[in-house]
N, C-alpha and C. Protein backbone atom coordinates (compact mmCIF):
# COMPACT_ATOMS: atom_id res chain seq x y z
N MET A 1 4.30 -51.06 -68.09
CA MET A 1 5.17 -50.32 -67.18
C MET A 1 5.84 -51.29 -66.22
N VAL A 2 7.16 -51.20 -66.07
CA VAL A 2 7.90 -52.07 -65.16
C VAL A 2 7.92 -51.43 -63.78
N MET A 3 7.52 -52.18 -62.76
CA MET A 3 7.46 -51.65 -61.42
C MET A 3 8.84 -51.68 -60.78
N ARG A 4 9.23 -50.58 -60.15
CA ARG A 4 10.51 -50.48 -59.46
C ARG A 4 10.25 -50.20 -57.98
N ALA A 5 11.16 -50.66 -57.14
CA ALA A 5 11.03 -50.42 -55.72
C ALA A 5 11.31 -48.96 -55.42
N THR A 6 10.37 -48.29 -54.76
CA THR A 6 10.52 -46.90 -54.40
C THR A 6 10.79 -46.81 -52.90
N PRO A 7 11.23 -45.63 -52.40
CA PRO A 7 11.40 -45.48 -50.95
C PRO A 7 10.14 -45.80 -50.17
N VAL A 8 8.98 -45.45 -50.73
CA VAL A 8 7.71 -45.75 -50.05
C VAL A 8 7.52 -47.26 -49.95
N MET A 9 7.78 -47.99 -51.05
CA MET A 9 7.61 -49.44 -51.04
C MET A 9 8.57 -50.08 -50.05
N ARG A 10 9.80 -49.55 -49.97
CA ARG A 10 10.76 -50.11 -49.02
C ARG A 10 10.29 -49.87 -47.59
N ALA A 11 9.66 -48.71 -47.35
CA ALA A 11 9.12 -48.41 -46.02
C ALA A 11 8.00 -49.37 -45.68
N VAL A 12 7.14 -49.67 -46.67
CA VAL A 12 6.07 -50.65 -46.47
C VAL A 12 6.67 -52.00 -46.12
N ALA A 13 7.73 -52.36 -46.80
CA ALA A 13 8.39 -53.65 -46.55
C ALA A 13 8.87 -53.72 -45.11
N ARG A 14 9.44 -52.61 -44.60
CA ARG A 14 9.93 -52.63 -43.22
C ARG A 14 8.79 -52.81 -42.24
N ARG A 15 7.62 -52.24 -42.57
CA ARG A 15 6.46 -52.42 -41.69
C ARG A 15 5.93 -53.84 -41.77
N LEU A 16 5.97 -54.42 -42.97
CA LEU A 16 5.45 -55.77 -43.16
C LEU A 16 6.39 -56.83 -42.62
N LEU A 17 7.68 -56.49 -42.46
CA LEU A 17 8.66 -57.46 -42.01
C LEU A 17 9.16 -57.06 -40.62
N PRO A 18 8.40 -57.33 -39.57
CA PRO A 18 8.80 -56.93 -38.24
C PRO A 18 9.99 -57.74 -37.76
N SER A 19 10.58 -57.31 -36.66
CA SER A 19 11.73 -58.03 -36.13
C SER A 19 11.32 -59.39 -35.61
N THR A 20 12.29 -60.26 -35.44
CA THR A 20 12.02 -61.61 -34.97
C THR A 20 11.35 -61.58 -33.60
N ASN A 21 11.71 -60.59 -32.76
CA ASN A 21 11.13 -60.51 -31.43
C ASN A 21 9.67 -60.09 -31.46
N ALA A 22 9.23 -59.47 -32.54
CA ALA A 22 7.87 -58.93 -32.61
C ALA A 22 6.90 -59.84 -33.34
N ALA A 23 7.38 -60.88 -33.98
CA ALA A 23 6.48 -61.73 -34.76
C ALA A 23 7.06 -63.11 -34.90
N THR A 24 6.21 -64.07 -35.13
CA THR A 24 6.66 -65.43 -35.34
C THR A 24 7.24 -65.56 -36.73
N THR A 25 7.99 -66.64 -36.94
CA THR A 25 8.55 -66.91 -38.26
C THR A 25 7.45 -67.02 -39.31
N ALA A 26 6.35 -67.68 -38.94
CA ALA A 26 5.24 -67.86 -39.88
C ALA A 26 4.65 -66.52 -40.29
N THR A 27 4.51 -65.60 -39.33
CA THR A 27 3.95 -64.29 -39.63
C THR A 27 4.88 -63.51 -40.55
N ARG A 28 6.18 -63.56 -40.27
CA ARG A 28 7.15 -62.86 -41.12
C ARG A 28 7.13 -63.44 -42.53
N PHE A 29 7.06 -64.76 -42.63
CA PHE A 29 7.07 -65.40 -43.93
C PHE A 29 5.85 -64.97 -44.74
N ALA A 30 4.67 -64.99 -44.12
CA ALA A 30 3.45 -64.59 -44.81
C ALA A 30 3.50 -63.12 -45.22
N ALA A 31 4.02 -62.28 -44.33
CA ALA A 31 4.09 -60.84 -44.63
C ALA A 31 5.06 -60.57 -45.77
N SER A 32 6.19 -61.27 -45.79
CA SER A 32 7.17 -61.03 -46.84
C SER A 32 6.64 -61.47 -48.20
N ARG A 33 5.91 -62.58 -48.23
CA ARG A 33 5.31 -63.02 -49.49
C ARG A 33 4.27 -62.02 -49.96
N GLU A 34 3.47 -61.51 -49.00
CA GLU A 34 2.44 -60.52 -49.34
C GLU A 34 3.09 -59.30 -49.98
N TYR A 35 4.21 -58.86 -49.41
CA TYR A 35 4.90 -57.68 -49.96
C TYR A 35 5.41 -57.96 -51.37
N THR A 36 6.05 -59.11 -51.56
CA THR A 36 6.60 -59.43 -52.88
C THR A 36 5.51 -59.49 -53.93
N PHE A 37 4.41 -60.16 -53.64
CA PHE A 37 3.35 -60.28 -54.62
C PHE A 37 2.62 -58.96 -54.83
N SER A 38 2.72 -58.05 -53.87
CA SER A 38 2.14 -56.72 -54.09
C SER A 38 2.91 -55.98 -55.18
N MET A 39 4.18 -56.35 -55.41
CA MET A 39 4.96 -55.75 -56.48
C MET A 39 4.61 -56.34 -57.83
N PHE A 40 3.98 -57.52 -57.82
CA PHE A 40 3.57 -58.18 -59.06
C PHE A 40 2.08 -58.49 -58.99
N PRO A 41 1.23 -57.45 -59.01
CA PRO A 41 -0.21 -57.66 -58.79
C PRO A 41 -0.87 -58.51 -59.87
N ARG A 42 -0.23 -58.64 -61.04
CA ARG A 42 -0.83 -59.44 -62.11
C ARG A 42 0.02 -60.69 -62.38
N PHE A 43 0.56 -61.25 -61.31
CA PHE A 43 1.39 -62.44 -61.42
C PHE A 43 0.60 -63.60 -62.04
N LEU A 44 -0.70 -63.62 -61.79
CA LEU A 44 -1.54 -64.67 -62.37
C LEU A 44 -1.50 -64.64 -63.89
N ASP A 45 -1.34 -63.46 -64.48
CA ASP A 45 -1.23 -63.35 -65.94
C ASP A 45 0.02 -64.08 -66.45
N VAL A 46 1.08 -64.04 -65.65
CA VAL A 46 2.31 -64.74 -66.02
C VAL A 46 2.08 -66.24 -66.04
N ILE A 47 1.39 -66.74 -65.02
CA ILE A 47 1.09 -68.17 -64.96
C ILE A 47 0.26 -68.59 -66.17
N GLU A 48 -0.75 -67.80 -66.50
CA GLU A 48 -1.61 -68.14 -67.63
C GLU A 48 -0.84 -68.09 -68.94
N ALA A 49 0.09 -67.15 -69.07
CA ALA A 49 0.91 -67.05 -70.29
C ALA A 49 1.81 -68.27 -70.42
N ILE A 50 2.41 -68.70 -69.31
CA ILE A 50 3.27 -69.89 -69.33
C ILE A 50 2.47 -71.12 -69.72
N ASN A 51 1.27 -71.25 -69.16
CA ASN A 51 0.42 -72.39 -69.49
C ASN A 51 0.07 -72.39 -70.98
N GLU A 52 -0.17 -71.21 -71.54
CA GLU A 52 -0.48 -71.11 -72.97
C GLU A 52 0.72 -71.54 -73.80
N MET A 53 1.91 -71.10 -73.41
CA MET A 53 3.13 -71.48 -74.12
C MET A 53 3.31 -73.00 -74.12
N GLN A 54 3.01 -73.60 -72.97
CA GLN A 54 3.17 -75.05 -72.87
C GLN A 54 2.12 -75.76 -73.73
N ALA A 55 0.91 -75.26 -73.74
CA ALA A 55 -0.15 -75.86 -74.55
C ALA A 55 0.17 -75.78 -76.04
N LEU A 56 0.87 -74.72 -76.43
CA LEU A 56 1.23 -74.53 -77.85
C LEU A 56 2.50 -75.31 -78.23
N GLY A 57 3.15 -75.91 -77.24
CA GLY A 57 4.35 -76.68 -77.53
C GLY A 57 5.62 -75.85 -77.64
N LEU A 58 5.54 -74.59 -77.21
CA LEU A 58 6.74 -73.74 -77.24
C LEU A 58 7.74 -74.17 -76.17
N ILE A 59 7.22 -74.68 -75.06
CA ILE A 59 8.04 -75.25 -74.01
C ILE A 59 7.42 -76.58 -73.61
N THR A 60 8.24 -77.48 -73.09
CA THR A 60 7.70 -78.77 -72.66
C THR A 60 7.46 -78.81 -71.15
N GLU A 61 8.22 -78.00 -70.40
CA GLU A 61 8.03 -77.92 -68.95
C GLU A 61 8.69 -76.65 -68.44
N TYR A 62 8.33 -76.23 -67.23
CA TYR A 62 8.88 -75.00 -66.68
C TYR A 62 8.94 -75.09 -65.16
N ALA A 63 9.65 -74.16 -64.56
CA ALA A 63 9.64 -73.98 -63.11
C ALA A 63 10.10 -72.56 -62.80
N ILE A 64 9.40 -71.91 -61.88
CA ILE A 64 9.83 -70.60 -61.41
C ILE A 64 11.15 -70.79 -60.65
N GLY A 65 12.15 -69.98 -61.00
CA GLY A 65 13.45 -70.11 -60.36
C GLY A 65 13.92 -68.78 -59.80
N GLY A 66 15.20 -68.72 -59.47
CA GLY A 66 15.80 -67.48 -59.01
C GLY A 66 15.22 -66.96 -57.71
N ALA A 67 15.33 -65.63 -57.55
CA ALA A 67 14.88 -65.00 -56.31
C ALA A 67 13.38 -65.20 -56.09
N MET A 68 12.60 -65.24 -57.18
CA MET A 68 11.15 -65.42 -57.02
C MET A 68 10.84 -66.78 -56.42
N ALA A 69 11.62 -67.80 -56.78
CA ALA A 69 11.40 -69.12 -56.19
C ALA A 69 11.66 -69.09 -54.69
N GLN A 70 12.67 -68.34 -54.29
CA GLN A 70 13.00 -68.29 -52.87
C GLN A 70 11.86 -67.70 -52.06
N VAL A 71 11.06 -66.84 -52.68
CA VAL A 71 9.92 -66.24 -51.98
C VAL A 71 8.98 -67.32 -51.45
N PHE A 72 8.88 -68.44 -52.16
CA PHE A 72 7.98 -69.51 -51.74
C PHE A 72 8.55 -70.35 -50.61
N TRP A 73 9.86 -70.25 -50.36
CA TRP A 73 10.51 -71.10 -49.36
C TRP A 73 11.12 -70.32 -48.21
N ASP A 74 11.16 -69.01 -48.31
CA ASP A 74 11.83 -68.21 -47.30
C ASP A 74 11.23 -66.81 -47.32
N GLU A 75 11.73 -65.93 -46.47
CA GLU A 75 11.27 -64.55 -46.50
C GLU A 75 11.69 -63.89 -47.81
N ALA A 76 10.97 -62.85 -48.18
CA ALA A 76 11.19 -62.20 -49.47
C ALA A 76 12.59 -61.59 -49.56
N ILE A 77 13.14 -61.64 -50.76
CA ILE A 77 14.38 -60.93 -51.06
C ILE A 77 14.09 -60.02 -52.25
N PRO A 78 14.81 -58.92 -52.38
CA PRO A 78 14.50 -57.97 -53.46
C PRO A 78 14.61 -58.63 -54.84
N THR A 79 13.60 -58.45 -55.65
CA THR A 79 13.65 -58.92 -57.03
C THR A 79 12.69 -58.08 -57.85
N PHE A 80 13.11 -57.76 -59.06
CA PHE A 80 12.27 -56.90 -59.91
C PHE A 80 11.91 -57.60 -61.21
N ASP A 81 12.23 -58.89 -61.30
CA ASP A 81 11.80 -59.67 -62.46
C ASP A 81 11.55 -61.10 -62.01
N ILE A 82 11.08 -61.91 -62.93
CA ILE A 82 10.77 -63.31 -62.63
C ILE A 82 11.56 -64.19 -63.58
N ASP A 83 12.36 -65.09 -63.02
CA ASP A 83 13.09 -66.06 -63.83
C ASP A 83 12.25 -67.32 -63.99
N VAL A 84 12.13 -67.77 -65.23
CA VAL A 84 11.39 -69.01 -65.50
C VAL A 84 12.32 -69.96 -66.24
N LEU A 85 12.73 -71.02 -65.55
CA LEU A 85 13.53 -72.06 -66.21
C LEU A 85 12.60 -72.89 -67.08
N VAL A 86 13.00 -73.13 -68.33
CA VAL A 86 12.13 -73.88 -69.24
C VAL A 86 12.90 -75.00 -69.93
N LEU A 87 12.19 -76.05 -70.24
CA LEU A 87 12.69 -77.11 -71.09
C LEU A 87 12.07 -76.90 -72.46
N MET A 88 12.90 -76.92 -73.48
CA MET A 88 12.46 -76.61 -74.83
C MET A 88 12.36 -77.86 -75.68
N PRO A 89 11.52 -77.83 -76.73
CA PRO A 89 11.59 -78.90 -77.73
C PRO A 89 13.00 -78.93 -78.30
N THR A 90 13.48 -80.08 -78.71
CA THR A 90 14.85 -80.22 -79.20
C THR A 90 15.13 -79.28 -80.36
N ARG A 91 16.16 -78.43 -80.17
CA ARG A 91 16.55 -77.49 -81.22
C ARG A 91 18.07 -77.41 -81.24
N SER A 92 18.60 -76.65 -82.20
CA SER A 92 20.04 -76.63 -82.39
C SER A 92 20.79 -75.87 -81.32
N SER A 93 20.16 -74.83 -80.74
CA SER A 93 20.83 -74.07 -79.70
C SER A 93 19.81 -73.32 -78.87
N ALA A 94 20.23 -72.96 -77.63
CA ALA A 94 19.32 -72.23 -76.74
C ALA A 94 18.96 -70.88 -77.31
N LEU A 95 19.91 -70.22 -77.98
CA LEU A 95 19.65 -68.89 -78.52
C LEU A 95 18.56 -68.92 -79.58
N THR A 96 18.66 -69.87 -80.53
CA THR A 96 17.65 -69.92 -81.58
C THR A 96 16.32 -70.43 -81.03
N SER A 97 16.35 -71.23 -79.98
CA SER A 97 15.11 -71.80 -79.46
C SER A 97 14.23 -70.74 -78.81
N LEU A 98 14.80 -69.60 -78.39
CA LEU A 98 13.99 -68.56 -77.79
C LEU A 98 13.22 -67.75 -78.83
N GLY A 99 13.59 -67.87 -80.09
CA GLY A 99 12.92 -67.14 -81.15
C GLY A 99 11.42 -67.34 -81.17
N PRO A 100 10.93 -68.59 -81.16
CA PRO A 100 9.49 -68.81 -81.17
C PRO A 100 8.78 -68.20 -79.97
N ILE A 101 9.46 -68.18 -78.81
CA ILE A 101 8.86 -67.57 -77.62
C ILE A 101 8.69 -66.07 -77.83
N TYR A 102 9.72 -65.42 -78.35
CA TYR A 102 9.63 -63.98 -78.58
C TYR A 102 8.59 -63.66 -79.66
N GLU A 103 8.53 -64.50 -80.67
CA GLU A 103 7.53 -64.30 -81.73
C GLU A 103 6.12 -64.43 -81.16
N TRP A 104 5.91 -65.45 -80.34
CA TRP A 104 4.61 -65.63 -79.69
C TRP A 104 4.28 -64.43 -78.81
N ALA A 105 5.28 -63.96 -78.05
CA ALA A 105 5.06 -62.85 -77.13
C ALA A 105 4.63 -61.59 -77.88
N ARG A 106 5.32 -61.30 -78.97
CA ARG A 106 4.96 -60.10 -79.75
C ARG A 106 3.57 -60.24 -80.35
N GLY A 107 3.23 -61.47 -80.77
CA GLY A 107 1.91 -61.71 -81.32
C GLY A 107 0.81 -61.52 -80.30
N ARG A 108 1.15 -61.71 -79.03
CA ARG A 108 0.17 -61.53 -77.95
C ARG A 108 0.16 -60.09 -77.44
N GLY A 109 1.03 -59.25 -78.03
CA GLY A 109 1.07 -57.85 -77.61
C GLY A 109 2.00 -57.58 -76.46
N TYR A 110 2.84 -58.57 -76.10
CA TYR A 110 3.80 -58.37 -75.03
C TYR A 110 5.07 -57.71 -75.58
N ASP A 111 5.58 -56.77 -74.85
CA ASP A 111 6.80 -56.08 -75.27
C ASP A 111 8.01 -56.95 -74.91
N VAL A 112 8.94 -57.07 -75.83
CA VAL A 112 10.19 -57.82 -75.58
C VAL A 112 11.32 -56.81 -75.52
N ARG A 113 11.98 -56.75 -74.37
CA ARG A 113 13.07 -55.80 -74.17
C ARG A 113 14.32 -56.57 -73.74
N GLY A 114 15.25 -56.69 -74.65
CA GLY A 114 16.46 -57.44 -74.33
C GLY A 114 16.12 -58.88 -74.00
N GLU A 115 16.49 -59.31 -72.80
CA GLU A 115 16.25 -60.70 -72.38
C GLU A 115 14.90 -60.86 -71.69
N HIS A 116 14.17 -59.78 -71.52
CA HIS A 116 12.91 -59.84 -70.78
C HIS A 116 11.69 -59.70 -71.69
N THR A 117 10.65 -60.44 -71.33
CA THR A 117 9.34 -60.30 -71.95
C THR A 117 8.43 -59.67 -70.91
N LEU A 118 7.80 -58.55 -71.25
CA LEU A 118 6.92 -57.87 -70.30
C LEU A 118 5.51 -58.43 -70.43
N ILE A 119 5.10 -59.18 -69.43
CA ILE A 119 3.76 -59.77 -69.40
C ILE A 119 2.94 -59.01 -68.38
N SER A 120 1.96 -58.25 -68.86
CA SER A 120 1.17 -57.37 -67.99
C SER A 120 2.08 -56.47 -67.16
N GLY A 121 3.15 -55.99 -67.77
CA GLY A 121 4.07 -55.08 -67.11
C GLY A 121 5.13 -55.75 -66.25
N ILE A 122 5.07 -57.08 -66.13
CA ILE A 122 6.03 -57.80 -65.29
C ILE A 122 7.18 -58.31 -66.15
N PRO A 123 8.43 -57.96 -65.82
CA PRO A 123 9.56 -58.47 -66.59
C PRO A 123 9.79 -59.95 -66.30
N VAL A 124 9.69 -60.77 -67.33
CA VAL A 124 9.88 -62.21 -67.19
C VAL A 124 11.03 -62.64 -68.09
N GLN A 125 11.97 -63.38 -67.53
CA GLN A 125 13.08 -63.90 -68.31
C GLN A 125 12.94 -65.41 -68.44
N PHE A 126 12.76 -65.88 -69.66
CA PHE A 126 12.68 -67.31 -69.93
C PHE A 126 14.10 -67.83 -70.17
N LEU A 127 14.48 -68.81 -69.37
CA LEU A 127 15.86 -69.32 -69.39
C LEU A 127 15.86 -70.80 -69.72
N PRO A 128 16.26 -71.18 -70.92
CA PRO A 128 16.38 -72.62 -71.22
C PRO A 128 17.36 -73.26 -70.24
N ALA A 129 16.98 -74.37 -69.65
CA ALA A 129 17.85 -75.05 -68.68
C ALA A 129 19.21 -75.31 -69.30
N PRO A 130 20.29 -74.74 -68.72
CA PRO A 130 21.60 -74.81 -69.36
C PRO A 130 22.39 -76.08 -69.11
N ASP A 131 21.99 -76.88 -68.14
CA ASP A 131 22.79 -78.06 -67.80
C ASP A 131 21.92 -79.12 -67.14
N ALA A 132 22.54 -80.24 -66.77
CA ALA A 132 21.81 -81.36 -66.20
C ALA A 132 21.16 -81.00 -64.87
N LEU A 133 21.85 -80.21 -64.06
CA LEU A 133 21.30 -79.81 -62.77
C LEU A 133 20.03 -78.98 -62.94
N SER A 134 20.07 -78.00 -63.83
CA SER A 134 18.90 -77.16 -64.06
C SER A 134 17.75 -77.95 -64.68
N THR A 135 18.09 -78.87 -65.57
CA THR A 135 17.06 -79.73 -66.16
C THR A 135 16.38 -80.56 -65.08
N GLU A 136 17.18 -81.13 -64.19
CA GLU A 136 16.63 -81.92 -63.08
C GLU A 136 15.76 -81.04 -62.17
N ALA A 137 16.21 -79.80 -61.97
CA ALA A 137 15.45 -78.87 -61.13
C ALA A 137 14.06 -78.61 -61.70
N VAL A 138 13.97 -78.49 -63.02
CA VAL A 138 12.68 -78.26 -63.67
C VAL A 138 11.82 -79.53 -63.58
N GLU A 139 12.43 -80.66 -63.90
CA GLU A 139 11.68 -81.92 -63.92
C GLU A 139 11.15 -82.31 -62.54
N SER A 140 11.87 -81.94 -61.49
CA SER A 140 11.46 -82.33 -60.14
C SER A 140 10.87 -81.16 -59.34
N ALA A 141 10.48 -80.10 -60.03
CA ALA A 141 9.94 -78.92 -59.35
C ALA A 141 8.70 -79.28 -58.54
N ARG A 142 8.48 -78.52 -57.48
CA ARG A 142 7.29 -78.71 -56.65
C ARG A 142 6.10 -78.00 -57.30
N THR A 143 4.95 -78.62 -57.27
CA THR A 143 3.73 -77.98 -57.76
C THR A 143 2.99 -77.40 -56.57
N LEU A 144 2.86 -76.08 -56.55
CA LEU A 144 2.20 -75.37 -55.47
C LEU A 144 0.90 -74.76 -55.97
N ASP A 145 0.10 -74.28 -55.05
CA ASP A 145 -1.15 -73.62 -55.41
C ASP A 145 -0.99 -72.12 -55.26
N TYR A 146 -1.33 -71.38 -56.32
CA TYR A 146 -1.34 -69.92 -56.25
C TYR A 146 -2.71 -69.43 -56.68
N GLN A 147 -3.49 -69.01 -55.72
CA GLN A 147 -4.85 -68.50 -55.98
C GLN A 147 -5.66 -69.49 -56.82
N GLY A 148 -5.56 -70.75 -56.47
CA GLY A 148 -6.33 -71.78 -57.16
C GLY A 148 -5.72 -72.28 -58.45
N HIS A 149 -4.52 -71.82 -58.79
CA HIS A 149 -3.84 -72.24 -60.01
C HIS A 149 -2.57 -73.00 -59.67
N PRO A 150 -2.32 -74.13 -60.32
CA PRO A 150 -1.06 -74.85 -60.06
C PRO A 150 0.12 -74.05 -60.58
N LEU A 151 1.19 -74.05 -59.80
CA LEU A 151 2.40 -73.31 -60.16
C LEU A 151 3.61 -74.16 -59.82
N ARG A 152 4.50 -74.37 -60.80
CA ARG A 152 5.70 -75.17 -60.58
C ARG A 152 6.85 -74.26 -60.14
N VAL A 153 7.48 -74.65 -59.03
CA VAL A 153 8.55 -73.85 -58.43
C VAL A 153 9.74 -74.75 -58.13
N VAL A 154 10.93 -74.27 -58.46
CA VAL A 154 12.15 -75.03 -58.16
C VAL A 154 12.21 -75.27 -56.66
N SER A 155 12.53 -76.49 -56.27
CA SER A 155 12.58 -76.85 -54.85
C SER A 155 13.71 -76.12 -54.14
N PRO A 156 13.61 -75.95 -52.82
CA PRO A 156 14.70 -75.28 -52.09
C PRO A 156 16.02 -76.05 -52.19
N GLU A 157 15.93 -77.38 -52.26
CA GLU A 157 17.16 -78.18 -52.37
C GLU A 157 17.87 -77.91 -53.70
N HIS A 158 17.10 -77.83 -54.78
CA HIS A 158 17.71 -77.56 -56.09
C HIS A 158 18.16 -76.10 -56.21
N LEU A 159 17.45 -75.18 -55.55
CA LEU A 159 17.90 -73.79 -55.54
C LEU A 159 19.29 -73.69 -54.91
N ILE A 160 19.46 -74.36 -53.78
CA ILE A 160 20.76 -74.34 -53.10
C ILE A 160 21.84 -74.92 -54.00
N ALA A 161 21.52 -76.02 -54.67
CA ALA A 161 22.51 -76.66 -55.54
C ALA A 161 22.87 -75.74 -56.71
N ILE A 162 21.87 -75.14 -57.34
CA ILE A 162 22.13 -74.25 -58.48
C ILE A 162 22.98 -73.06 -58.05
N TRP A 163 22.66 -72.48 -56.89
CA TRP A 163 23.41 -71.32 -56.40
C TRP A 163 24.77 -71.68 -55.82
N SER A 164 25.04 -72.97 -55.67
CA SER A 164 26.34 -73.42 -55.17
C SER A 164 27.29 -73.79 -56.30
N LYS A 165 26.77 -73.78 -57.52
CA LYS A 165 27.56 -74.22 -58.66
C LYS A 165 28.21 -73.02 -59.35
N PRO A 166 29.54 -73.06 -59.53
CA PRO A 166 30.19 -71.97 -60.28
C PRO A 166 29.65 -71.91 -61.71
N PRO A 167 29.53 -70.73 -62.31
CA PRO A 167 29.87 -69.41 -61.75
C PRO A 167 28.71 -68.74 -61.03
N ALA A 168 27.64 -69.48 -60.73
CA ALA A 168 26.46 -68.87 -60.10
C ALA A 168 26.67 -68.60 -58.62
N ASN A 169 27.74 -69.15 -58.03
CA ASN A 169 27.93 -69.05 -56.58
C ASN A 169 28.60 -67.74 -56.17
N SER A 170 27.95 -66.63 -56.51
CA SER A 170 28.44 -65.31 -56.14
C SER A 170 28.22 -65.09 -54.65
N ALA A 171 28.80 -64.03 -54.12
CA ALA A 171 28.64 -63.73 -52.71
C ALA A 171 27.16 -63.52 -52.35
N ARG A 172 26.44 -62.86 -53.23
CA ARG A 172 25.01 -62.62 -52.98
C ARG A 172 24.24 -63.93 -52.92
N ARG A 173 24.56 -64.84 -53.83
CA ARG A 173 23.84 -66.12 -53.83
C ARG A 173 24.27 -67.01 -52.68
N LYS A 174 25.50 -66.87 -52.22
CA LYS A 174 25.91 -67.61 -51.03
C LYS A 174 25.11 -67.14 -49.82
N GLU A 175 24.78 -65.86 -49.78
CA GLU A 175 23.93 -65.35 -48.71
C GLU A 175 22.53 -65.95 -48.81
N ARG A 176 22.03 -66.08 -50.05
CA ARG A 176 20.71 -66.69 -50.24
C ARG A 176 20.72 -68.14 -49.79
N VAL A 177 21.79 -68.85 -50.10
CA VAL A 177 21.91 -70.24 -49.68
C VAL A 177 21.89 -70.33 -48.16
N ALA A 178 22.63 -69.45 -47.51
CA ALA A 178 22.67 -69.46 -46.05
C ALA A 178 21.29 -69.23 -45.46
N LYS A 179 20.52 -68.30 -46.07
CA LYS A 179 19.17 -68.04 -45.58
C LYS A 179 18.27 -69.26 -45.75
N LEU A 180 18.38 -69.91 -46.90
CA LEU A 180 17.57 -71.10 -47.12
C LEU A 180 17.94 -72.21 -46.15
N ARG A 181 19.23 -72.35 -45.86
CA ARG A 181 19.67 -73.40 -44.95
C ARG A 181 19.11 -73.19 -43.55
N GLU A 182 18.86 -71.93 -43.19
CA GLU A 182 18.37 -71.61 -41.86
C GLU A 182 16.85 -71.46 -41.80
N SER A 183 16.19 -71.47 -42.95
CA SER A 183 14.76 -71.20 -43.02
C SER A 183 13.93 -72.38 -42.51
N GLU A 184 13.07 -72.10 -41.55
CA GLU A 184 12.14 -73.14 -41.08
C GLU A 184 11.06 -73.39 -42.13
N ALA A 185 10.68 -72.34 -42.86
CA ALA A 185 9.62 -72.48 -43.86
C ALA A 185 10.05 -73.39 -45.00
N ALA A 186 11.35 -73.40 -45.33
CA ALA A 186 11.83 -74.22 -46.44
C ALA A 186 11.74 -75.70 -46.12
N ASP A 187 11.88 -76.04 -44.83
CA ASP A 187 11.80 -77.45 -44.40
C ASP A 187 12.68 -78.34 -45.30
N LEU A 188 13.96 -78.02 -45.34
CA LEU A 188 14.89 -78.72 -46.23
C LEU A 188 14.98 -80.21 -45.94
N ASP A 189 15.06 -80.99 -46.99
CA ASP A 189 15.35 -82.42 -46.90
C ASP A 189 16.86 -82.56 -47.07
N GLU A 190 17.56 -82.69 -45.95
CA GLU A 190 19.02 -82.70 -45.98
C GLU A 190 19.55 -83.90 -46.76
N ASP A 191 18.88 -85.03 -46.67
CA ASP A 191 19.32 -86.22 -47.42
C ASP A 191 19.20 -85.98 -48.92
N LEU A 192 18.08 -85.38 -49.33
CA LEU A 192 17.89 -85.08 -50.75
C LEU A 192 18.93 -84.08 -51.22
N LEU A 193 19.17 -83.05 -50.42
CA LEU A 193 20.17 -82.04 -50.78
C LEU A 193 21.55 -82.67 -50.94
N SER A 194 21.92 -83.52 -50.01
CA SER A 194 23.22 -84.18 -50.09
C SER A 194 23.33 -85.02 -51.35
N ASP A 195 22.24 -85.70 -51.69
CA ASP A 195 22.23 -86.54 -52.90
C ASP A 195 22.42 -85.69 -54.15
N ILE A 196 21.69 -84.58 -54.23
CA ILE A 196 21.80 -83.69 -55.39
C ILE A 196 23.22 -83.15 -55.51
N MET A 197 23.75 -82.66 -54.40
CA MET A 197 25.09 -82.07 -54.42
C MET A 197 26.14 -83.10 -54.82
N GLU A 198 26.02 -84.29 -54.30
CA GLU A 198 27.00 -85.34 -54.61
C GLU A 198 26.93 -85.76 -56.07
N ARG A 199 25.73 -85.96 -56.58
CA ARG A 199 25.58 -86.41 -57.96
C ARG A 199 26.09 -85.39 -58.97
N HIS A 200 26.03 -84.10 -58.59
CA HIS A 200 26.45 -83.05 -59.52
C HIS A 200 27.83 -82.49 -59.17
N GLY A 201 28.55 -83.18 -58.27
CA GLY A 201 29.92 -82.81 -57.97
C GLY A 201 30.08 -81.46 -57.30
N LEU A 202 29.15 -81.12 -56.41
CA LEU A 202 29.18 -79.82 -55.75
C LEU A 202 29.59 -79.97 -54.29
N VAL A 203 30.18 -78.91 -53.76
CA VAL A 203 30.64 -78.92 -52.37
C VAL A 203 29.46 -78.67 -51.46
N GLN A 204 29.28 -79.55 -50.51
CA GLN A 204 28.16 -79.45 -49.58
C GLN A 204 28.53 -78.55 -48.40
N THR A 205 27.71 -77.54 -48.15
CA THR A 205 27.88 -76.69 -46.98
C THR A 205 27.17 -77.34 -45.80
N PRO A 206 27.85 -77.51 -44.66
CA PRO A 206 27.20 -78.14 -43.51
C PRO A 206 25.97 -77.36 -43.08
N PRO A 207 24.92 -78.05 -42.60
CA PRO A 207 23.74 -77.35 -42.12
C PRO A 207 24.11 -76.47 -40.93
N PRO A 208 23.30 -75.43 -40.63
CA PRO A 208 23.63 -74.48 -39.56
C PRO A 208 23.94 -75.14 -38.23
N ASP A 209 23.18 -76.17 -37.84
CA ASP A 209 23.41 -76.83 -36.55
C ASP A 209 24.79 -77.44 -36.47
N ALA A 210 25.29 -77.93 -37.62
CA ALA A 210 26.60 -78.58 -37.64
C ALA A 210 27.74 -77.58 -37.58
N GLN A 211 27.45 -76.30 -37.84
CA GLN A 211 28.49 -75.29 -37.85
C GLN A 211 28.65 -74.63 -36.48
N ARG A 212 27.76 -74.95 -35.55
CA ARG A 212 27.83 -74.32 -34.22
C ARG A 212 28.71 -75.15 -33.30
């Protein structure tokens, strides 16, 4: 069963995410992560499935990306699936390379619906890294601890770069970039971000302090 945000869940979110005047940034950050992971109570199953895929050689490396990655660096944003950027063994095309993943998933009893694989009811989209920037994002992902298990997550600097690159730089993602730029929890390395943006030919948005 795929979990969807209900009015009750949104009400819980409002209680968990108090105003800035009522709580510290650290408290809001912890509360928002708690809310997001409450929507994915079996997230650990996803980590174990990814590790199994890597052990079998279906993927060579991975990193949690998209909105779920932002949860680790900033307050929660609405998301109902998990994006996993993956590096694949050399194959002729990204489309055919996903075949073994879907075959493995069905063999494990996971339902495959369109682009998503349902792992313990959680919609997971495996995305072969489409370009040099995404490949670099996977290779340089941060390894974090999730309930005693290592978890690779795209860094906030690479998230900003990916969301700044056309055609991914939609209005919604520009808002996400702005939030990351202002997030104390993300603790951005501005020099690293500038280096990434320059090497990949992307336009650098000035940090918030420089815009005032």
